N, C-alpha and C. Protein backbone atom coordinates (compact mmCIF):
# COMPACT_ATOMS: atom_id res chain seq x y z
N UNK A 1 15.72 2.04 6.50
CA UNK A 1 15.84 1.95 5.06
C UNK A 1 15.34 0.60 4.59
N UNK A 2 14.76 0.57 3.41
CA UNK A 2 14.27 -0.68 2.85
C UNK A 2 15.07 -1.09 1.63
N UNK A 3 14.89 -2.32 1.23
CA UNK A 3 15.56 -2.83 0.03
C UNK A 3 14.49 -3.01 -1.03
N UNK A 4 14.77 -2.54 -2.25
CA UNK A 4 13.80 -2.57 -3.33
C UNK A 4 14.42 -3.14 -4.60
N UNK A 5 13.58 -3.87 -5.34
CA UNK A 5 13.95 -4.35 -6.66
C UNK A 5 13.18 -3.50 -7.66
N UNK A 6 13.91 -2.87 -8.55
CA UNK A 6 13.30 -2.06 -9.61
C UNK A 6 13.40 -2.86 -10.90
N UNK A 7 12.27 -3.02 -11.58
CA UNK A 7 12.23 -3.75 -12.85
C UNK A 7 11.72 -2.77 -13.91
N UNK A 8 12.51 -2.60 -14.97
CA UNK A 8 12.14 -1.66 -16.03
C UNK A 8 12.07 -2.42 -17.36
N UNK A 9 10.86 -2.62 -17.88
CA UNK A 9 10.72 -3.31 -19.17
C UNK A 9 10.98 -2.35 -20.34
N UNK A 10 11.31 -2.93 -21.48
CA UNK A 10 11.44 -2.13 -22.71
C UNK A 10 11.12 -3.01 -23.91
N UNK A 11 11.03 -2.39 -25.06
CA UNK A 11 10.67 -3.11 -26.29
C UNK A 11 11.74 -4.13 -26.66
N UNK A 12 11.33 -5.15 -27.43
CA UNK A 12 12.20 -6.28 -27.74
C UNK A 12 13.21 -6.04 -28.87
N UNK A 13 12.99 -5.05 -29.71
CA UNK A 13 13.89 -4.84 -30.85
C UNK A 13 15.31 -4.52 -30.38
N UNK A 14 16.29 -4.97 -31.15
CA UNK A 14 17.69 -4.76 -30.80
C UNK A 14 17.99 -3.28 -30.62
N UNK A 15 17.49 -2.45 -31.52
CA UNK A 15 17.77 -1.02 -31.42
C UNK A 15 17.11 -0.41 -30.18
N UNK A 16 15.96 -0.92 -29.80
CA UNK A 16 15.29 -0.44 -28.58
C UNK A 16 16.15 -0.77 -27.36
N UNK A 17 16.68 -1.99 -27.33
CA UNK A 17 17.57 -2.38 -26.22
C UNK A 17 18.76 -1.44 -26.16
N UNK A 18 19.38 -1.24 -27.31
CA UNK A 18 20.58 -0.40 -27.34
C UNK A 18 20.28 1.02 -26.87
N UNK A 19 19.14 1.56 -27.25
CA UNK A 19 18.79 2.93 -26.85
C UNK A 19 18.55 3.03 -25.34
N UNK A 20 17.85 2.05 -24.80
CA UNK A 20 17.57 2.07 -23.36
C UNK A 20 18.87 1.94 -22.57
N UNK A 21 19.71 1.00 -22.97
CA UNK A 21 20.98 0.82 -22.27
C UNK A 21 21.82 2.11 -22.37
N UNK A 22 21.83 2.71 -23.54
CA UNK A 22 22.59 3.96 -23.73
C UNK A 22 22.09 5.06 -22.78
N UNK A 23 20.77 5.20 -22.68
CA UNK A 23 20.20 6.21 -21.78
C UNK A 23 20.60 5.92 -20.34
N UNK A 24 20.51 4.65 -19.94
CA UNK A 24 20.89 4.29 -18.57
C UNK A 24 22.37 4.60 -18.33
N UNK A 25 23.24 4.22 -19.27
CA UNK A 25 24.68 4.43 -19.09
C UNK A 25 25.04 5.91 -19.06
N UNK A 26 24.32 6.72 -19.81
CA UNK A 26 24.60 8.16 -19.85
C UNK A 26 23.95 8.93 -18.70
N UNK A 27 23.13 8.26 -17.91
CA UNK A 27 22.40 8.95 -16.84
C UNK A 27 23.32 9.51 -15.77
N UNK A 28 24.45 8.86 -15.57
CA UNK A 28 25.38 9.31 -14.54
C UNK A 28 25.08 8.75 -13.16
N UNK A 29 23.92 8.13 -12.99
CA UNK A 29 23.57 7.54 -11.69
C UNK A 29 24.29 6.21 -11.53
N UNK A 30 25.00 6.06 -10.44
CA UNK A 30 25.72 4.81 -10.17
C UNK A 30 24.77 3.62 -10.20
N UNK A 31 23.57 3.80 -9.62
CA UNK A 31 22.61 2.69 -9.56
C UNK A 31 22.13 2.31 -10.95
N UNK A 32 21.81 3.29 -11.76
CA UNK A 32 21.25 3.03 -13.10
C UNK A 32 22.32 2.48 -14.03
N UNK A 33 23.54 3.00 -13.94
CA UNK A 33 24.60 2.51 -14.84
C UNK A 33 25.02 1.09 -14.50
N UNK A 34 24.67 0.61 -13.32
CA UNK A 34 25.01 -0.75 -12.91
C UNK A 34 23.81 -1.70 -12.95
N UNK A 35 22.80 -1.35 -13.72
CA UNK A 35 21.62 -2.21 -13.86
C UNK A 35 22.03 -3.54 -14.49
N UNK A 36 21.27 -4.58 -14.17
CA UNK A 36 21.44 -5.88 -14.81
C UNK A 36 20.36 -6.02 -15.86
N UNK A 37 20.72 -6.61 -17.00
CA UNK A 37 19.83 -6.70 -18.15
C UNK A 37 19.55 -8.16 -18.51
N UNK A 38 18.33 -8.44 -18.96
CA UNK A 38 17.95 -9.79 -19.38
C UNK A 38 17.83 -9.95 -20.88
N UNK A 39 18.20 -8.93 -21.63
CA UNK A 39 17.98 -8.90 -23.09
C UNK A 39 18.59 -10.10 -23.82
N UNK A 40 19.78 -10.48 -23.47
CA UNK A 40 20.44 -11.59 -24.18
C UNK A 40 19.77 -12.93 -23.93
N UNK A 41 18.87 -12.97 -22.94
CA UNK A 41 18.14 -14.20 -22.65
C UNK A 41 16.66 -14.05 -22.99
N UNK A 42 16.32 -13.01 -23.76
CA UNK A 42 14.94 -12.83 -24.19
C UNK A 42 14.05 -12.11 -23.19
N UNK A 43 14.58 -11.69 -22.06
CA UNK A 43 13.82 -10.91 -21.06
C UNK A 43 14.24 -9.45 -21.21
N UNK A 44 13.42 -8.68 -21.87
CA UNK A 44 13.79 -7.30 -22.19
C UNK A 44 13.42 -6.38 -21.04
N UNK A 45 14.26 -6.49 -20.00
CA UNK A 45 14.06 -5.73 -18.77
C UNK A 45 15.41 -5.42 -18.16
N UNK A 46 15.42 -4.36 -17.37
CA UNK A 46 16.58 -4.04 -16.54
C UNK A 46 16.15 -4.24 -15.09
N UNK A 47 17.09 -4.68 -14.25
CA UNK A 47 16.81 -4.84 -12.82
C UNK A 47 17.87 -4.10 -12.02
N UNK A 48 17.41 -3.45 -10.97
CA UNK A 48 18.30 -2.71 -10.08
C UNK A 48 17.89 -3.04 -8.65
N UNK A 49 18.85 -3.37 -7.81
CA UNK A 49 18.62 -3.54 -6.38
C UNK A 49 19.13 -2.28 -5.69
N UNK A 50 18.30 -1.72 -4.81
CA UNK A 50 18.69 -0.47 -4.17
C UNK A 50 18.15 -0.43 -2.75
N UNK A 51 18.88 0.23 -1.87
CA UNK A 51 18.40 0.46 -0.50
C UNK A 51 18.11 1.94 -0.35
N UNK A 52 16.82 2.24 -0.18
CA UNK A 52 16.34 3.60 0.00
C UNK A 52 15.19 3.57 1.01
N UNK A 53 14.63 4.74 1.32
CA UNK A 53 13.58 4.82 2.33
C UNK A 53 12.21 4.35 1.86
N UNK A 54 11.89 4.53 0.57
CA UNK A 54 10.55 4.18 0.11
C UNK A 54 10.53 3.98 -1.41
N UNK A 55 9.37 3.53 -1.92
CA UNK A 55 9.24 3.23 -3.36
C UNK A 55 9.41 4.47 -4.23
N UNK A 56 8.91 5.60 -3.76
CA UNK A 56 9.03 6.82 -4.57
C UNK A 56 10.48 7.25 -4.71
N UNK A 57 11.25 7.09 -3.66
CA UNK A 57 12.68 7.41 -3.73
C UNK A 57 13.37 6.47 -4.72
N UNK A 58 12.97 5.20 -4.72
CA UNK A 58 13.52 4.23 -5.67
C UNK A 58 13.15 4.64 -7.10
N UNK A 59 11.92 5.04 -7.31
CA UNK A 59 11.47 5.44 -8.64
C UNK A 59 12.25 6.65 -9.17
N UNK A 60 12.58 7.56 -8.26
CA UNK A 60 13.26 8.80 -8.67
C UNK A 60 14.68 8.58 -9.17
N UNK A 61 15.28 7.43 -8.91
CA UNK A 61 16.63 7.21 -9.42
C UNK A 61 16.63 6.90 -10.92
N UNK A 62 15.46 6.55 -11.46
CA UNK A 62 15.36 6.20 -12.88
C UNK A 62 15.28 7.46 -13.74
N UNK A 63 15.76 7.36 -14.99
CA UNK A 63 15.53 8.46 -15.91
C UNK A 63 14.01 8.68 -16.04
N UNK A 64 13.54 9.91 -16.08
CA UNK A 64 12.10 10.21 -16.07
C UNK A 64 11.25 9.43 -17.07
N UNK A 65 11.76 9.17 -18.26
CA UNK A 65 10.96 8.47 -19.28
C UNK A 65 10.64 7.03 -18.88
N UNK A 66 11.37 6.45 -17.94
CA UNK A 66 11.18 5.05 -17.57
C UNK A 66 10.44 4.87 -16.24
N UNK A 67 10.15 5.94 -15.57
CA UNK A 67 9.49 5.85 -14.26
C UNK A 67 8.08 5.28 -14.32
N UNK A 68 7.23 5.69 -15.29
CA UNK A 68 5.85 5.19 -15.29
C UNK A 68 5.71 3.68 -15.43
N UNK A 69 6.53 3.04 -16.26
CA UNK A 69 6.37 1.60 -16.50
C UNK A 69 7.21 0.75 -15.56
N UNK A 70 8.00 1.37 -14.69
CA UNK A 70 8.85 0.61 -13.76
C UNK A 70 8.00 -0.07 -12.69
N UNK A 71 8.38 -1.28 -12.37
CA UNK A 71 7.75 -2.02 -11.28
C UNK A 71 8.74 -2.01 -10.12
N UNK A 72 8.27 -1.59 -8.96
CA UNK A 72 9.14 -1.49 -7.81
C UNK A 72 8.58 -2.38 -6.70
N UNK A 73 9.42 -3.31 -6.24
CA UNK A 73 8.99 -4.29 -5.25
C UNK A 73 9.81 -4.12 -3.97
N UNK A 74 9.12 -3.99 -2.86
CA UNK A 74 9.77 -3.93 -1.56
C UNK A 74 10.17 -5.36 -1.18
N UNK A 75 11.43 -5.57 -0.87
CA UNK A 75 11.93 -6.90 -0.54
C UNK A 75 12.09 -7.07 0.97
N UNK A 76 11.97 -8.29 1.42
CA UNK A 76 12.15 -8.58 2.84
C UNK A 76 12.74 -9.97 3.00
N UNK A 77 13.18 -10.24 4.19
CA UNK A 77 13.64 -11.58 4.56
C UNK A 77 12.74 -12.05 5.70
N UNK A 78 12.54 -13.34 5.78
CA UNK A 78 11.74 -13.93 6.85
C UNK A 78 12.63 -14.74 7.76
N UNK A 79 12.33 -14.70 9.04
CA UNK A 79 13.03 -15.57 9.99
C UNK A 79 12.21 -16.84 10.15
N UNK A 80 12.83 -17.89 10.65
CA UNK A 80 12.12 -19.14 10.88
C UNK A 80 11.01 -18.92 11.90
N UNK A 81 11.26 -18.08 12.90
CA UNK A 81 10.26 -17.80 13.92
C UNK A 81 9.01 -17.14 13.30
N UNK A 82 9.21 -16.20 12.39
CA UNK A 82 8.07 -15.55 11.73
C UNK A 82 7.25 -16.57 10.94
N UNK A 83 7.93 -17.44 10.22
CA UNK A 83 7.23 -18.43 9.40
C UNK A 83 6.49 -19.42 10.29
N UNK A 84 7.11 -19.84 11.37
CA UNK A 84 6.43 -20.75 12.30
C UNK A 84 5.17 -20.11 12.87
N UNK A 85 5.22 -18.82 13.20
CA UNK A 85 4.04 -18.10 13.70
C UNK A 85 2.94 -18.05 12.64
N UNK A 86 3.31 -17.77 11.39
CA UNK A 86 2.33 -17.71 10.29
C UNK A 86 1.67 -19.07 10.08
N UNK A 87 2.48 -20.12 10.04
CA UNK A 87 1.95 -21.47 9.82
C UNK A 87 1.06 -21.89 10.98
N UNK A 88 1.49 -21.59 12.19
CA UNK A 88 0.69 -21.92 13.36
C UNK A 88 -0.66 -21.21 13.33
N UNK A 89 -0.67 -19.95 13.01
CA UNK A 89 -1.93 -19.19 12.92
C UNK A 89 -2.82 -19.75 11.82
N UNK A 90 -2.23 -20.10 10.70
CA UNK A 90 -3.00 -20.66 9.58
C UNK A 90 -3.67 -21.98 10.00
N UNK A 91 -2.94 -22.80 10.72
CA UNK A 91 -3.50 -24.09 11.17
C UNK A 91 -4.69 -23.86 12.10
N UNK A 92 -4.56 -22.89 13.02
CA UNK A 92 -5.66 -22.58 13.93
C UNK A 92 -6.87 -22.06 13.14
N UNK A 93 -6.63 -21.16 12.19
CA UNK A 93 -7.71 -20.57 11.40
C UNK A 93 -8.40 -21.58 10.51
N UNK A 94 -7.64 -22.53 9.97
CA UNK A 94 -8.24 -23.51 9.05
C UNK A 94 -9.11 -24.52 9.79
N UNK A 95 -8.90 -24.66 11.10
CA UNK A 95 -9.74 -25.57 11.88
C UNK A 95 -11.05 -24.92 12.31
N UNK A 96 -11.13 -23.63 12.20
CA UNK A 96 -12.34 -22.91 12.62
C UNK A 96 -13.23 -22.72 11.40
N UNK A 97 -14.46 -23.18 11.49
CA UNK A 97 -15.39 -23.02 10.38
C UNK A 97 -16.17 -21.73 10.57
N UNK A 98 -16.38 -21.02 9.47
CA UNK A 98 -17.18 -19.80 9.55
C UNK A 98 -18.65 -20.15 9.46
N UNK A 99 -19.50 -19.53 10.29
CA UNK A 99 -20.94 -19.84 10.26
C UNK A 99 -21.56 -19.45 8.93
N UNK A 100 -22.48 -20.30 8.49
CA UNK A 100 -23.21 -19.99 7.26
C UNK A 100 -22.51 -20.41 5.97
N UNK A 101 -21.34 -20.99 6.07
CA UNK A 101 -20.63 -21.42 4.86
C UNK A 101 -20.75 -22.93 4.74
N UNK A 102 -21.26 -23.38 3.60
CA UNK A 102 -21.42 -24.80 3.35
C UNK A 102 -20.49 -25.19 2.22
N UNK A 103 -19.76 -26.26 2.42
CA UNK A 103 -18.87 -26.75 1.37
C UNK A 103 -19.59 -27.88 0.65
N UNK A 104 -19.73 -27.71 -0.65
CA UNK A 104 -20.38 -28.74 -1.46
C UNK A 104 -19.32 -29.60 -2.11
N UNK A 105 -19.50 -30.91 -2.03
CA UNK A 105 -18.57 -31.84 -2.65
C UNK A 105 -19.22 -32.44 -3.87
N UNK A 106 -18.49 -32.53 -4.93
CA UNK A 106 -18.97 -33.12 -6.17
C UNK A 106 -18.71 -34.61 -6.14
N UNK A 107 -19.73 -35.39 -6.42
CA UNK A 107 -19.56 -36.85 -6.43
C UNK A 107 -19.03 -37.31 -7.77
N UNK A 108 -18.12 -38.26 -7.74
CA UNK A 108 -17.54 -38.79 -8.97
C UNK A 108 -18.59 -39.68 -9.67
N UNK A 109 -18.50 -39.66 -10.99
CA UNK A 109 -19.37 -40.58 -11.71
C UNK A 109 -20.20 -39.90 -12.63
C-alpha cells in the first residue's frame, strides 16, 4: 500500500467554500469528512492523507465532481543510506564530461 496526499482546489468565494465543505461533509466517506482545509488562511484547497494501493483508488474516494481537478501525490520517505547513494552517484556523474559538450563562460566587463 502507498501513502498519498490528495489536494482539491476550489473557488475563493465564501459561498463556494461553504458548498464544497458541505458536499464533503455529506459524502459519508470517513476520509473526505476529515479533510483539512486552508480556506481561513487564503488557500482554497482541501487536503487528505490516505493509504491506498494506487492513485486511481485515491481519486475514487472523492465526490465525482471533484475528481478531475484533484492533484494526487504519491508520498515516500527516504533513508540516509538512499540519500548517500544518490549523492555519491551524482558526484561520480558530475565528474564525467560528456563528449561533444562545450561549456562557454561569459567574461565580466
